[in-house]
Amino acid sequence: MTAGQADLDSELRELLAELTSDTLPLEAPPETPLLRDGIGLDSLGATMLLTQIEQRYGIDIAGEDLNLDALASISTLAAYICARLSPS
């Protein structure tokens, strides 16, 4: 994990803790799923997460990743955003 991705990982964990009103995202392993039995985001929580990401980073994940594979886990989401923020 790069330094930029580690910073992004921390930011995402804080955002997830805010959205879920739980501290689990702050301590969960990077492979923890965001939905259902992992962090526990439901469809509304996922929508709120996507909205926050678009506002903070200017990335429309739902428009770019039709299968929403980027939402598989904390680490896949951080890697997806980091890749989009990095100059090509």
PDB file of N, CA and C in Angstrom:
ATOM      1  N   MET A   1       0.852  -1.172   0.000  1.00  0.00           N
ATOM      2  CA  MET A   1       0.000   0.000   0.000  1.00  0.00           C
ATOM      3  C   MET A   1       0.897   1.233   0.000  1.00  0.00           C
ATOM      4  N   THR A   2       0.623   2.154  -0.905  1.00  0.00           N
ATOM      5  CA  THR A   2       1.405   3.380  -0.979  1.00  0.00           C
ATOM      6  C   THR A   2       1.002   4.335   0.141  1.00  0.00           C
ATOM      7  N   ALA A   3       1.819   5.361   0.350  1.00  0.00           N
ATOM      8  CA  ALA A   3       1.506   6.350   1.391  1.00  0.00           C
ATOM      9  C   ALA A   3       0.188   7.053   1.088  1.00  0.00           C
ATOM     10  N   GLY A   4      -0.026   7.391  -0.184  1.00  0.00           N
ATOM     11  CA  GLY A   4      -1.278   8.049  -0.581  1.00  0.00           C
ATOM     12  C   GLY A   4      -2.476   7.152  -0.338  1.00  0.00           C
ATOM     13  N   GLN A   5      -2.322   5.881  -0.639  1.00  0.00           N
ATOM     14  CA  GLN A   5      -3.418   4.946  -0.421  1.00  0.00           C
ATOM     15  C   GLN A   5      -3.662   4.729   1.072  1.00  0.00           C
ATOM     16  N   ALA A   6      -2.611   4.755   1.871  1.00  0.00           N
ATOM     17  CA  ALA A   6      -2.771   4.600   3.328  1.00  0.00           C
ATOM     18  C   ALA A   6      -3.536   5.799   3.901  1.00  0.00           C
ATOM     19  N   ASP A   7      -3.209   7.001   3.435  1.00  0.00           N
ATOM     20  CA  ASP A   7      -3.937   8.197   3.879  1.00  0.00           C
ATOM     21  C   ASP A   7      -5.403   8.112   3.469  1.00  0.00           C
ATOM     22  N   LEU A   8      -5.626   7.683   2.233  1.00  0.00           N
ATOM     23  CA  LEU A   8      -6.984   7.542   1.723  1.00  0.00           C
ATOM     24  C   LEU A   8      -7.740   6.474   2.510  1.00  0.00           C
ATOM     25  N   ASP A   9      -7.066   5.388   2.825  1.00  0.00           N
ATOM     26  CA  ASP A   9      -7.661   4.322   3.625  1.00  0.00           C
ATOM     27  C   ASP A   9      -8.151   4.887   4.963  1.00  0.00           C
ATOM     28  N   SER A  10      -7.330   5.697   5.610  1.00  0.00           N
ATOM     29  CA  SER A  10      -7.713   6.305   6.892  1.00  0.00           C
ATOM     30  C   SER A  10      -8.909   7.233   6.733  1.00  0.00           C
ATOM     31  N   GLU A  11      -8.900   8.045   5.678  1.00  0.00           N
ATOM     32  CA  GLU A  11     -10.017   8.954   5.420  1.00  0.00           C
ATOM     33  C   GLU A  11     -11.309   8.172   5.189  1.00  0.00           C
ATOM     34  N   LEU A  12     -11.215   7.092   4.418  1.00  0.00           N
ATOM     35  CA  LEU A  12     -12.402   6.283   4.132  1.00  0.00           C
ATOM     36  C   LEU A  12     -12.922   5.611   5.397  1.00  0.00           C
ATOM     37  N   ARG A  13     -12.021   5.148   6.238  1.00  0.00           N
ATOM     38  CA  ARG A  13     -12.432   4.524   7.507  1.00  0.00           C
ATOM     39  C   ARG A  13     -13.193   5.528   8.378  1.00  0.00           C
ATOM     40  N   GLU A  14     -12.698   6.759   8.434  1.00  0.00           N
ATOM     41  CA  GLU A  14     -13.382   7.788   9.207  1.00  0.00           C
ATOM     42  C   GLU A  14     -14.759   8.097   8.618  1.00  0.00           C
ATOM     43  N   LEU A  15     -14.832   8.169   7.297  1.00  0.00           N
ATOM     44  CA  LEU A  15     -16.105   8.409   6.631  1.00  0.00           C
ATOM     45  C   LEU A  15     -17.081   7.263   6.901  1.00  0.00           C
ATOM     46  N   LEU A  16     -16.602   6.038   6.808  1.00  0.00           N
ATOM     47  CA  LEU A  16     -17.458   4.877   7.070  1.00  0.00           C
ATOM     48  C   LEU A  16     -17.932   4.845   8.519  1.00  0.00           C
ATOM     49  N   ALA A  17     -17.064   5.212   9.441  1.00  0.00           N
ATOM     50  CA  ALA A  17     -17.452   5.263  10.855  1.00  0.00           C
ATOM     51  C   ALA A  17     -18.539   6.311  11.056  1.00  0.00           C
ATOM     52  N   GLU A  18     -18.413   7.425  10.358  1.00  0.00           N
ATOM     53  CA  GLU A  18     -19.410   8.491  10.417  1.00  0.00           C
ATOM     54  C   GLU A  18     -20.752   8.006   9.861  1.00  0.00           C
ATOM     55  N   LEU A  19     -20.700   7.355   8.704  1.00  0.00           N
ATOM     56  CA  LEU A  19     -21.930   6.901   8.047  1.00  0.00           C
ATOM     57  C   LEU A  19     -22.644   5.797   8.827  1.00  0.00           C
ATOM     58  N   THR A  20     -21.868   4.942   9.483  1.00  0.00           N
ATOM     59  CA  THR A  20     -22.470   3.815  10.200  1.00  0.00           C
ATOM     60  C   THR A  20     -22.695   4.104  11.679  1.00  0.00           C
ATOM     61  N   SER A  21     -22.180   5.227  12.148  1.00  0.00           N
ATOM     62  CA  SER A  21     -22.244   5.561  13.588  1.00  0.00           C
ATOM     63  C   SER A  21     -21.669   4.422  14.425  1.00  0.00           C
ATOM     64  N   ASP A  22     -20.558   3.869  13.940  1.00  0.00           N
ATOM     65  CA  ASP A  22     -19.918   2.733  14.597  1.00  0.00           C
ATOM     66  C   ASP A  22     -18.407   2.882  14.447  1.00  0.00           C
ATOM     67  N   THR A  23     -17.652   2.347  15.386  1.00  0.00           N
ATOM     68  CA  THR A  23     -16.191   2.411  15.307  1.00  0.00           C
ATOM     69  C   THR A  23     -15.589   1.209  14.575  1.00  0.00           C
ATOM     70  N   LEU A  24     -16.403   0.236  14.206  1.00  0.00           N
ATOM     71  CA  LEU A  24     -15.903  -0.956  13.507  1.00  0.00           C
ATOM     72  C   LEU A  24     -15.034  -0.612  12.302  1.00  0.00           C
ATOM     73  N   PRO A  25     -15.419   0.325  11.441  1.00  0.00           N
ATOM     74  CA  PRO A  25     -14.573   0.613  10.274  1.00  0.00           C
ATOM     75  C   PRO A  25     -13.170   1.107  10.627  1.00  0.00           C
ATOM     76  N   LEU A  26     -13.009   1.695  11.790  1.00  0.00           N
ATOM     77  CA  LEU A  26     -11.705   2.228  12.182  1.00  0.00           C
ATOM     78  C   LEU A  26     -10.697   1.128  12.478  1.00  0.00           C
ATOM     79  N   GLU A  27     -11.178  -0.036  12.917  1.00  0.00           N
ATOM     80  CA  GLU A  27     -10.293  -1.132  13.324  1.00  0.00           C
ATOM     81  C   GLU A  27     -10.363  -2.362  12.418  1.00  0.00           C
ATOM     82  N   ALA A  28     -11.305  -2.388  11.498  1.00  0.00           N
ATOM     83  CA  ALA A  28     -11.527  -3.574  10.667  1.00  0.00           C
ATOM     84  C   ALA A  28     -10.345  -3.818   9.722  1.00  0.00           C
ATOM     85  N   PRO A  29     -10.051  -5.084   9.421  1.00  0.00           N
ATOM     86  CA  PRO A  29      -8.999  -5.397   8.447  1.00  0.00           C
ATOM     87  C   PRO A  29      -9.353  -4.796   7.074  1.00  0.00           C
ATOM     88  N   PRO A  30      -8.343  -4.480   6.268  1.00  0.00           N
ATOM     89  CA  PRO A  30      -8.598  -3.859   4.965  1.00  0.00           C
ATOM     90  C   PRO A  30      -9.490  -4.686   4.041  1.00  0.00           C
ATOM     91  N   GLU A  31      -9.503  -6.004   4.221  1.00  0.00           N
ATOM     92  CA  GLU A  31     -10.292  -6.875   3.349  1.00  0.00           C
ATOM     93  C   GLU A  31     -11.758  -6.960   3.784  1.00  0.00           C
ATOM     94  N   THR A  32     -12.119  -6.264   4.840  1.00  0.00           N
ATOM     95  CA  THR A  32     -13.488  -6.337   5.352  1.00  0.00           C
ATOM     96  C   THR A  32     -14.474  -5.831   4.309  1.00  0.00           C
ATOM     97  N   PRO A  33     -15.476  -6.639   3.977  1.00  0.00           N
ATOM     98  CA  PRO A  33     -16.490  -6.196   3.013  1.00  0.00           C
ATOM     99  C   PRO A  33     -17.230  -4.958   3.533  1.00  0.00           C
ATOM    100  N   LEU A  34     -17.604  -4.081   2.623  1.00  0.00           N
ATOM    101  CA  LEU A  34     -18.335  -2.876   3.017  1.00  0.00           C
ATOM    102  C   LEU A  34     -19.812  -3.161   3.248  1.00  0.00           C
ATOM    103  N   LEU A  35     -20.338  -4.112   2.518  1.00  0.00           N
ATOM    104  CA  LEU A  35     -21.771  -4.385   2.575  1.00  0.00           C
ATOM    105  C   LEU A  35     -22.075  -5.569   3.479  1.00  0.00           C
ATOM    106  N   ARG A  36     -23.320  -5.707   3.842  1.00  0.00           N
ATOM    107  CA  ARG A  36     -23.871  -6.809   4.615  1.00  0.00           C
ATOM    108  C   ARG A  36     -23.098  -7.138   5.891  1.00  0.00           C
ATOM    109  N   ASP A  37     -22.501  -8.324   5.935  1.00  0.00           N
ATOM    110  CA  ASP A  37     -21.888  -8.833   7.171  1.00  0.00           C
ATOM    111  C   ASP A  37     -20.539  -8.210   7.506  1.00  0.00           C
ATOM    112  N   GLY A  38     -20.019  -7.361   6.646  1.00  0.00           N
ATOM    113  CA  GLY A  38     -18.742  -6.712   6.930  1.00  0.00           C
ATOM    114  C   GLY A  38     -18.971  -5.443   7.739  1.00  0.00           C
ATOM    115  N   ILE A  39     -18.791  -4.304   7.083  1.00  0.00           N
ATOM    116  CA  ILE A  39     -19.031  -3.013   7.723  1.00  0.00           C
ATOM    117  C   ILE A  39     -20.522  -2.816   7.953  1.00  0.00           C
ATOM    118  N   GLY A  40     -21.332  -3.443   7.118  1.00  0.00           N
ATOM    119  CA  GLY A  40     -22.775  -3.406   7.332  1.00  0.00           C
ATOM    120  C   GLY A  40     -23.525  -2.317   6.590  1.00  0.00           C
ATOM    121  N   LEU A  41     -22.910  -1.746   5.549  1.00  0.00           N
ATOM    122  CA  LEU A  41     -23.638  -0.741   4.778  1.00  0.00           C
ATOM    123  C   LEU A  41     -24.828  -1.375   4.077  1.00  0.00           C
ATOM    124  N   ASP A  42     -25.972  -0.709   4.157  1.00  0.00           N
ATOM    125  CA  ASP A  42     -27.125  -1.128   3.380  1.00  0.00           C
ATOM    126  C   ASP A  42     -27.166  -0.270   2.122  1.00  0.00           C
ATOM    127  N   SER A  43     -28.225  -0.375   1.337  1.00  0.00           N
ATOM    128  CA  SER A  43     -28.280   0.367   0.073  1.00  0.00           C
ATOM    129  C   SER A  43     -28.254   1.874   0.300  1.00  0.00           C
ATOM    130  N   LEU A  44     -28.913   2.356   1.342  1.00  0.00           N
ATOM    131  CA  LEU A  44     -28.896   3.787   1.637  1.00  0.00           C
ATOM    132  C   LEU A  44     -27.497   4.229   2.067  1.00  0.00           C
ATOM    133  N   GLY A  45     -26.860   3.443   2.915  1.00  0.00           N
ATOM    134  CA  GLY A  45     -25.503   3.761   3.352  1.00  0.00           C
ATOM    135  C   GLY A  45     -24.519   3.770   2.192  1.00  0.00           C
ATOM    136  N   ALA A  46     -24.658   2.810   1.276  1.00  0.00           N
ATOM    137  CA  ALA A  46     -23.786   2.752   0.102  1.00  0.00           C
ATOM    138  C   ALA A  46     -24.006   3.971  -0.782  1.00  0.00           C
ATOM    139  N   THR A  47     -25.260   4.382  -0.940  1.00  0.00           N
ATOM    140  CA  THR A  47     -25.572   5.573  -1.734  1.00  0.00           C
ATOM    141  C   THR A  47     -24.963   6.812  -1.093  1.00  0.00           C
ATOM    142  N   MET A  48     -25.068   6.906   0.216  1.00  0.00           N
ATOM    143  CA  MET A  48     -24.481   8.043   0.930  1.00  0.00           C
ATOM    144  C   MET A  48     -22.959   8.042   0.792  1.00  0.00           C
ATOM    145  N   LEU A  49     -22.350   6.857   0.845  1.00  0.00           N
ATOM    146  CA  LEU A  49     -20.903   6.733   0.664  1.00  0.00           C
ATOM    147  C   LEU A  49     -20.498   7.202  -0.728  1.00  0.00           C
ATOM    148  N   LEU A  50     -21.206   6.739  -1.747  1.00  0.00           N
ATOM    149  CA  LEU A  50     -20.896   7.130  -3.119  1.00  0.00           C
ATOM    150  C   LEU A  50     -21.037   8.637  -3.306  1.00  0.00           C
ATOM    151  N   THR A  51     -22.052   9.229  -2.685  1.00  0.00           N
ATOM    152  CA  THR A  51     -22.264  10.677  -2.770  1.00  0.00           C
ATOM    153  C   THR A  51     -21.104  11.427  -2.122  1.00  0.00           C
ATOM    154  N   GLN A  52     -20.680  10.976  -0.945  1.00  0.00           N
ATOM    155  CA  GLN A  52     -19.562  11.615  -0.251  1.00  0.00           C
ATOM    156  C   GLN A  52     -18.266  11.510  -1.056  1.00  0.00           C
ATOM    157  N   ILE A  53     -18.037  10.364  -1.675  1.00  0.00           N
ATOM    158  CA  ILE A  53     -16.826  10.172  -2.479  1.00  0.00           C
ATOM    159  C   ILE A  53     -16.843  11.107  -3.683  1.00  0.00           C
ATOM    160  N   GLU A  54     -18.002  11.232  -4.309  1.00  0.00           N
ATOM    161  CA  GLU A  54     -18.100  12.138  -5.462  1.00  0.00           C
ATOM    162  C   GLU A  54     -17.864  13.588  -5.031  1.00  0.00           C
ATOM    163  N   GLN A  55     -18.413  13.981  -3.883  1.00  0.00           N
ATOM    164  CA  GLN A  55     -18.227  15.347  -3.402  1.00  0.00           C
ATOM    165  C   GLN A  55     -16.787  15.624  -2.978  1.00  0.00           C
ATOM    166  N   ARG A  56     -16.173  14.680  -2.286  1.00  0.00           N
ATOM    167  CA  ARG A  56     -14.815  14.895  -1.767  1.00  0.00           C
ATOM    168  C   ARG A  56     -13.724  14.737  -2.808  1.00  0.00           C
ATOM    169  N   TYR A  57     -13.884  13.740  -3.682  1.00  0.00           N
ATOM    170  CA  TYR A  57     -12.804  13.398  -4.606  1.00  0.00           C
ATOM    171  C   TYR A  57     -13.151  13.619  -6.076  1.00  0.00           C
ATOM    172  N   GLY A  58     -14.402  13.959  -6.363  1.00  0.00           N
ATOM    173  CA  GLY A  58     -14.809  14.194  -7.749  1.00  0.00           C
ATOM    174  C   GLY A  58     -14.852  12.924  -8.587  1.00  0.00           C
ATOM    175  N   ILE A  59     -15.088  11.792  -7.945  1.00  0.00           N
ATOM    176  CA  ILE A  59     -15.119  10.503  -8.643  1.00  0.00           C
ATOM    177  C   ILE A  59     -16.522   9.923  -8.555  1.00  0.00           C
ATOM    178  N   ASP A  60     -17.102   9.638  -9.714  1.00  0.00           N
ATOM    179  CA  ASP A  60     -18.440   9.044  -9.778  1.00  0.00           C
ATOM    180  C   ASP A  60     -18.290   7.538  -9.959  1.00  0.00           C
ATOM    181  N   ILE A  61     -18.149   6.819  -8.852  1.00  0.00           N
ATOM    182  CA  ILE A  61     -17.916   5.376  -8.910  1.00  0.00           C
ATOM    183  C   ILE A  61     -19.075   4.666  -9.601  1.00  0.00           C
ATOM    184  N   ALA A  62     -20.308   5.040  -9.265  1.00  0.00           N
ATOM    185  CA  ALA A  62     -21.468   4.374  -9.863  1.00  0.00           C
ATOM    186  C   ALA A  62     -21.485   4.567 -11.374  1.00  0.00           C
ATOM    187  N   GLY A  63     -21.019   5.705 -11.868  1.00  0.00           N
ATOM    188  CA  GLY A  63     -20.986   5.963 -13.300  1.00  0.00           C
ATOM    189  C   GLY A  63     -19.846   5.255 -14.010  1.00  0.00           C
ATOM    190  N   GLU A  64     -18.759   4.977 -13.295  1.00  0.00           N
ATOM    191  CA  GLU A  64     -17.571   4.360 -13.895  1.00  0.00           C
ATOM    192  C   GLU A  64     -17.510   2.851 -13.706  1.00  0.00           C
ATOM    193  N   ASP A  65     -18.013   2.364 -12.595  1.00  0.00           N
ATOM    194  CA  ASP A  65     -17.879   0.951 -12.221  1.00  0.00           C
ATOM    195  C   ASP A  65     -19.277   0.354 -12.098  1.00  0.00           C
ATOM    196  N   LEU A  66     -19.831  -0.082 -13.217  1.00  0.00           N
ATOM    197  CA  LEU A  66     -21.224  -0.501 -13.246  1.00  0.00           C
ATOM    198  C   LEU A  66     -21.535  -1.668 -12.314  1.00  0.00           C
ATOM    199  N   ASN A  67     -20.570  -2.527 -12.059  1.00  0.00           N
ATOM    200  CA  ASN A  67     -20.789  -3.645 -11.140  1.00  0.00           C
ATOM    201  C   ASN A  67     -20.508  -3.260  -9.698  1.00  0.00           C
ATOM    202  N   LEU A  68     -20.008  -2.058  -9.494  1.00  0.00           N
ATOM    203  CA  LEU A  68     -19.632  -1.559  -8.162  1.00  0.00           C
ATOM    204  C   LEU A  68     -18.640  -2.480  -7.457  1.00  0.00           C
ATOM    205  N   ASP A  69     -17.747  -3.086  -8.233  1.00  0.00           N
ATOM    206  CA  ASP A  69     -16.707  -3.943  -7.659  1.00  0.00           C
ATOM    207  C   ASP A  69     -15.811  -3.171  -6.696  1.00  0.00           C
ATOM    208  N   ALA A  70     -15.711  -1.860  -6.891  1.00  0.00           N
ATOM    209  CA  ALA A  70     -14.877  -1.034  -6.023  1.00  0.00           C
ATOM    210  C   ALA A  70     -15.389  -1.029  -4.588  1.00  0.00           C
ATOM    211  N   LEU A  71     -16.654  -1.390  -4.396  1.00  0.00           N
ATOM    212  CA  LEU A  71     -17.233  -1.407  -3.057  1.00  0.00           C
ATOM    213  C   LEU A  71     -17.083  -2.758  -2.358  1.00  0.00           C
ATOM    214  N   ALA A  72     -16.245  -3.629  -2.902  1.00  0.00           N
ATOM    215  CA  ALA A  72     -16.074  -4.965  -2.312  1.00  0.00           C
ATOM    216  C   ALA A  72     -15.520  -4.888  -0.894  1.00  0.00           C
ATOM    217  N   SER A  73     -14.538  -4.012  -0.659  1.00  0.00           N
ATOM    218  CA  SER A  73     -13.922  -3.918   0.666  1.00  0.00           C
ATOM    219  C   SER A  73     -13.312  -2.536   0.848  1.00  0.00           C
ATOM    220  N   ILE A  74     -12.823  -2.285   2.041  1.00  0.00           N
ATOM    221  CA  ILE A  74     -12.157  -1.013   2.321  1.00  0.00           C
ATOM    222  C   ILE A  74     -10.948  -0.849   1.397  1.00  0.00           C
ATOM    223  N   SER A  75     -10.158  -1.893   1.258  1.00  0.00           N
ATOM    224  CA  SER A  75      -8.937  -1.788   0.448  1.00  0.00           C
ATOM    225  C   SER A  75      -9.235  -1.631  -1.038  1.00  0.00           C
ATOM    226  N   THR A  76     -10.258  -2.313  -1.569  1.00  0.00           N
ATOM    227  CA  THR A  76     -10.560  -2.152  -2.993  1.00  0.00           C
ATOM    228  C   THR A  76     -11.087  -0.747  -3.276  1.00  0.00           C
ATOM    229  N   LEU A  77     -11.844  -0.192  -2.347  1.00  0.00           N
ATOM    230  CA  LEU A  77     -12.352   1.162  -2.528  1.00  0.00           C
ATOM    231  C   LEU A  77     -11.199   2.167  -2.488  1.00  0.00           C
ATOM    232  N   ALA A  78     -10.291   2.021  -1.533  1.00  0.00           N
ATOM    233  CA  ALA A  78      -9.141   2.923  -1.449  1.00  0.00           C
ATOM    234  C   ALA A  78      -8.273   2.818  -2.704  1.00  0.00           C
ATOM    235  N   ALA A  79      -8.039   1.612  -3.189  1.00  0.00           N
ATOM    236  CA  ALA A  79      -7.225   1.422  -4.394  1.00  0.00           C
ATOM    237  C   ALA A  79      -7.905   2.028  -5.609  1.00  0.00           C
ATOM    238  N   TYR A  80      -9.206   1.872  -5.726  1.00  0.00           N
ATOM    239  CA  TYR A  80      -9.967   2.417  -6.859  1.00  0.00           C
ATOM    240  C   TYR A  80      -9.854   3.943  -6.874  1.00  0.00           C
ATOM    241  N   ILE A  81     -10.096   4.567  -5.735  1.00  0.00           N
ATOM    242  CA  ILE A  81     -10.039   6.028  -5.665  1.00  0.00           C
ATOM    243  C   ILE A  81      -8.616   6.519  -5.917  1.00  0.00           C
ATOM    244  N   CYS A  82      -7.640   5.854  -5.316  1.00  0.00           N
ATOM    245  CA  CYS A  82      -6.236   6.242  -5.486  1.00  0.00           C
ATOM    246  C   CYS A  82      -5.842   6.177  -6.958  1.00  0.00           C
ATOM    247  N   ALA A  83      -6.270   5.137  -7.652  1.00  0.00           N
ATOM    248  CA  ALA A  83      -5.958   4.992  -9.081  1.00  0.00           C
ATOM    249  C   ALA A  83      -6.592   6.113  -9.905  1.00  0.00           C
ATOM    250  N   ARG A  84      -7.789   6.539  -9.523  1.00  0.00           N
ATOM    251  CA  ARG A  84      -8.475   7.605 -10.264  1.00  0.00           C
ATOM    252  C   ARG A  84      -7.864   8.971  -9.971  1.00  0.00           C
ATOM    253  N   LEU A  85      -7.288   9.135  -8.783  1.00  0.00           N
ATOM    254  CA  LEU A  85      -6.673  10.415  -8.411  1.00  0.00           C
ATOM    255  C   LEU A  85      -5.249  10.555  -8.946  1.00  0.00           C
ATOM    256  N   SER A  86      -4.623   9.427  -9.254  1.00  0.00           N
ATOM    257  CA  SER A  86      -3.239   9.456  -9.747  1.00  0.00           C
ATOM    258  C   SER A  86      -3.219   9.911 -11.203  1.00  0.00           C
ATOM    259  N   PRO A  87      -2.258  10.770 -11.549  1.00  0.00           N
ATOM    260  CA  PRO A  87      -2.147  11.199 -12.951  1.00  0.00           C
ATOM    261  C   PRO A  87      -1.764  10.007 -13.833  1.00  0.00           C
ATOM    262  N   SER A  88      -2.353   9.963 -14.988  1.00  0.00           N
ATOM    263  CA  SER A  88      -2.091   8.840 -15.917  1.00  0.00           C
ATOM    264  C   SER A  88      -0.741   8.948 -16.571  1.00  0.00           C
TER     265      SER A  88
END
